[in-house]
């Protein structure tokens, strides 16, 4: 349908990069850095193993924990 991807996930530096419709991949865009990032090709298992397992273990030991997910 001619649509372009404007959101890129760079797992190496844990960053989500948002570009305007007219920017190309060679242009900077706006980057947001997080503790962990997962793209559309991530599996549920990899998200849990890398991002949630240790937090769930901490919660079971009595600590507070939060996972914020969007998408």
N, C-alpha and C. Protein backbone atom coordinates (compact mmCIF):
# COMPACT_ATOMS: atom_id res chain seq x y z
N UNK A 1 0.81 -1.18 0.00
CA UNK A 1 0.00 0.00 0.00
C UNK A 1 0.87 1.26 0.00
N UNK A 2 2.18 1.11 -0.11
CA UNK A 2 3.05 2.27 -0.20
C UNK A 2 3.44 2.89 1.13
N UNK A 3 3.08 2.25 2.25
CA UNK A 3 3.45 2.83 3.54
C UNK A 3 4.92 2.57 3.84
N UNK A 4 5.49 3.44 4.68
CA UNK A 4 6.89 3.33 5.06
C UNK A 4 7.00 3.05 6.55
N UNK A 5 8.05 2.33 6.92
CA UNK A 5 8.33 2.11 8.33
C UNK A 5 9.02 3.33 8.89
N UNK A 6 8.49 3.89 9.97
CA UNK A 6 9.11 5.07 10.56
C UNK A 6 9.69 4.78 11.94
N UNK A 7 9.48 3.57 12.45
CA UNK A 7 10.01 3.18 13.75
C UNK A 7 11.03 2.08 13.54
N UNK A 8 12.23 2.29 14.08
CA UNK A 8 13.31 1.32 13.96
C UNK A 8 13.78 0.96 15.36
N UNK A 9 14.05 -0.32 15.62
CA UNK A 9 14.55 -0.78 16.90
C UNK A 9 16.00 -1.20 16.72
N UNK A 10 16.89 -0.57 17.51
CA UNK A 10 18.31 -0.92 17.49
C UNK A 10 18.63 -1.61 18.81
N UNK A 11 18.59 -2.94 18.78
CA UNK A 11 18.78 -3.73 19.99
C UNK A 11 20.20 -3.61 20.54
N UNK A 12 21.18 -3.33 19.68
CA UNK A 12 22.57 -3.22 20.11
C UNK A 12 22.77 -2.07 21.11
N UNK A 13 22.02 -1.00 20.92
CA UNK A 13 22.15 0.14 21.84
C UNK A 13 20.84 0.42 22.60
N UNK A 14 19.91 -0.53 22.56
CA UNK A 14 18.62 -0.43 23.27
C UNK A 14 17.92 0.89 22.96
N UNK A 15 17.76 1.14 21.70
CA UNK A 15 17.17 2.41 21.29
C UNK A 15 16.06 2.19 20.26
N UNK A 16 15.01 3.00 20.40
CA UNK A 16 13.94 3.08 19.42
C UNK A 16 14.12 4.40 18.69
N UNK A 17 14.18 4.35 17.37
CA UNK A 17 14.40 5.54 16.55
C UNK A 17 13.14 5.80 15.73
N UNK A 18 12.66 7.02 15.82
CA UNK A 18 11.46 7.40 15.08
C UNK A 18 11.86 8.46 14.06
N UNK A 19 11.50 8.20 12.83
CA UNK A 19 11.79 9.14 11.75
C UNK A 19 10.48 9.67 11.18
N UNK A 20 10.55 10.86 10.61
CA UNK A 20 9.37 11.38 9.94
C UNK A 20 9.20 10.63 8.62
N UNK A 21 8.09 10.77 8.02
CA UNK A 21 7.79 10.06 6.77
C UNK A 21 8.79 10.38 5.66
N UNK A 22 9.36 11.59 5.70
CA UNK A 22 10.27 12.02 4.65
C UNK A 22 11.73 11.71 4.93
N UNK A 23 12.08 11.32 6.16
CA UNK A 23 13.48 11.02 6.49
C UNK A 23 13.84 9.63 5.98
N UNK A 24 15.09 9.48 5.60
CA UNK A 24 15.57 8.17 5.16
C UNK A 24 16.32 7.50 6.30
N UNK A 25 16.71 6.26 6.12
CA UNK A 25 17.42 5.52 7.14
C UNK A 25 18.79 6.13 7.42
N UNK A 26 19.34 6.91 6.49
CA UNK A 26 20.63 7.55 6.69
C UNK A 26 20.52 8.81 7.55
N UNK A 27 19.33 9.33 7.73
CA UNK A 27 19.14 10.51 8.56
C UNK A 27 18.90 10.10 10.01
N UNK A 28 19.21 10.98 10.93
CA UNK A 28 19.22 10.65 12.35
C UNK A 28 17.87 10.24 12.93
N UNK A 29 16.86 11.01 12.75
CA UNK A 29 15.59 10.73 13.40
C UNK A 29 15.69 11.08 14.87
N UNK A 30 14.72 10.67 15.65
CA UNK A 30 14.67 10.95 17.08
C UNK A 30 14.81 9.64 17.81
N UNK A 31 15.82 9.52 18.67
CA UNK A 31 16.08 8.27 19.37
C UNK A 31 15.66 8.31 20.82
N UNK A 32 15.16 7.19 21.31
CA UNK A 32 14.77 7.03 22.71
C UNK A 32 15.45 5.77 23.23
N UNK A 33 16.18 5.88 24.33
CA UNK A 33 16.94 4.76 24.87
C UNK A 33 16.21 4.18 26.08
N UNK A 34 16.17 2.84 26.15
CA UNK A 34 15.49 2.13 27.22
C UNK A 34 16.42 1.06 27.78
N UNK A 35 16.02 0.44 28.89
CA UNK A 35 16.80 -0.66 29.45
C UNK A 35 16.83 -1.85 28.50
N UNK A 36 15.74 -2.06 27.78
CA UNK A 36 15.66 -3.14 26.80
C UNK A 36 14.64 -2.73 25.74
N UNK A 37 14.87 -3.15 24.52
CA UNK A 37 13.93 -2.89 23.43
C UNK A 37 13.73 -4.17 22.64
N UNK A 38 12.55 -4.33 22.08
CA UNK A 38 12.21 -5.51 21.30
C UNK A 38 11.43 -5.09 20.08
N UNK A 39 11.83 -5.56 18.93
CA UNK A 39 11.17 -5.23 17.68
C UNK A 39 10.05 -6.19 17.35
N UNK A 40 9.46 -5.97 16.20
CA UNK A 40 8.33 -6.78 15.75
C UNK A 40 8.70 -8.24 15.54
N UNK A 41 9.97 -8.52 15.32
CA UNK A 41 10.41 -9.90 15.08
C UNK A 41 10.78 -10.64 16.36
N UNK A 42 10.61 -10.00 17.52
CA UNK A 42 10.94 -10.64 18.80
C UNK A 42 9.91 -11.71 19.14
N UNK A 43 10.36 -12.73 19.83
CA UNK A 43 9.44 -13.77 20.28
C UNK A 43 9.03 -13.50 21.72
N UNK A 44 7.89 -14.05 22.11
CA UNK A 44 7.42 -13.90 23.48
C UNK A 44 8.44 -14.50 24.45
N UNK A 45 9.04 -15.61 24.06
CA UNK A 45 10.02 -16.27 24.92
C UNK A 45 11.26 -15.39 25.14
N UNK A 46 11.77 -14.75 24.08
CA UNK A 46 12.95 -13.91 24.24
C UNK A 46 12.65 -12.69 25.10
N UNK A 47 11.47 -12.12 24.97
CA UNK A 47 11.09 -10.99 25.81
C UNK A 47 11.04 -11.41 27.27
N UNK A 48 10.45 -12.55 27.54
CA UNK A 48 10.36 -13.03 28.92
C UNK A 48 11.75 -13.37 29.47
N UNK A 49 12.52 -14.14 28.72
CA UNK A 49 13.84 -14.56 29.21
C UNK A 49 14.77 -13.38 29.46
N UNK A 50 14.78 -12.42 28.55
CA UNK A 50 15.71 -11.30 28.65
C UNK A 50 15.18 -10.16 29.52
N UNK A 51 13.88 -9.96 29.51
CA UNK A 51 13.36 -8.77 30.16
C UNK A 51 12.52 -8.95 31.39
N UNK A 52 11.94 -10.12 31.57
CA UNK A 52 10.98 -10.28 32.66
C UNK A 52 11.38 -11.32 33.71
N UNK A 53 12.13 -12.32 33.33
CA UNK A 53 12.41 -13.43 34.24
C UNK A 53 12.98 -12.96 35.57
N UNK A 54 14.03 -12.14 35.53
CA UNK A 54 14.65 -11.71 36.79
C UNK A 54 13.71 -10.83 37.61
N UNK A 55 12.88 -10.04 36.93
CA UNK A 55 11.92 -9.20 37.63
C UNK A 55 10.85 -10.06 38.31
N UNK A 56 10.36 -11.06 37.62
CA UNK A 56 9.36 -11.97 38.21
C UNK A 56 9.95 -12.67 39.43
N UNK A 57 11.19 -13.10 39.33
CA UNK A 57 11.86 -13.74 40.48
C UNK A 57 11.95 -12.78 41.66
N UNK A 58 12.26 -11.51 41.41
CA UNK A 58 12.34 -10.50 42.47
C UNK A 58 10.98 -10.26 43.11
N UNK A 59 9.93 -10.20 42.29
CA UNK A 59 8.58 -10.00 42.82
C UNK A 59 8.19 -11.17 43.71
N UNK A 60 8.56 -12.37 43.30
CA UNK A 60 8.25 -13.55 44.12
C UNK A 60 9.02 -13.53 45.45
N UNK A 61 10.12 -12.78 45.50
CA UNK A 61 10.89 -12.64 46.73
C UNK A 61 10.43 -11.46 47.57
N UNK A 62 9.38 -10.76 47.12
CA UNK A 62 8.80 -9.69 47.92
C UNK A 62 9.10 -8.28 47.47
N UNK A 63 9.81 -8.11 46.37
CA UNK A 63 10.12 -6.78 45.87
C UNK A 63 9.04 -6.32 44.89
N UNK A 64 8.92 -5.00 44.71
CA UNK A 64 8.00 -4.45 43.72
C UNK A 64 8.63 -4.51 42.35
N UNK A 65 7.84 -4.64 41.32
CA UNK A 65 8.36 -4.67 39.96
C UNK A 65 7.31 -4.19 38.98
N UNK A 66 7.78 -3.57 37.90
CA UNK A 66 6.89 -3.06 36.86
C UNK A 66 7.50 -3.34 35.51
N UNK A 67 6.67 -3.79 34.59
CA UNK A 67 7.06 -3.91 33.20
C UNK A 67 6.08 -3.06 32.41
N UNK A 68 6.62 -2.11 31.65
CA UNK A 68 5.79 -1.26 30.81
C UNK A 68 5.96 -1.73 29.37
N UNK A 69 4.87 -2.10 28.78
CA UNK A 69 4.93 -2.59 27.39
C UNK A 69 3.88 -1.86 26.57
N UNK A 70 4.24 -1.56 25.35
CA UNK A 70 3.31 -0.89 24.43
C UNK A 70 3.39 -1.56 23.09
N UNK A 71 2.27 -1.78 22.49
CA UNK A 71 2.30 -2.29 21.13
C UNK A 71 1.56 -3.57 20.93
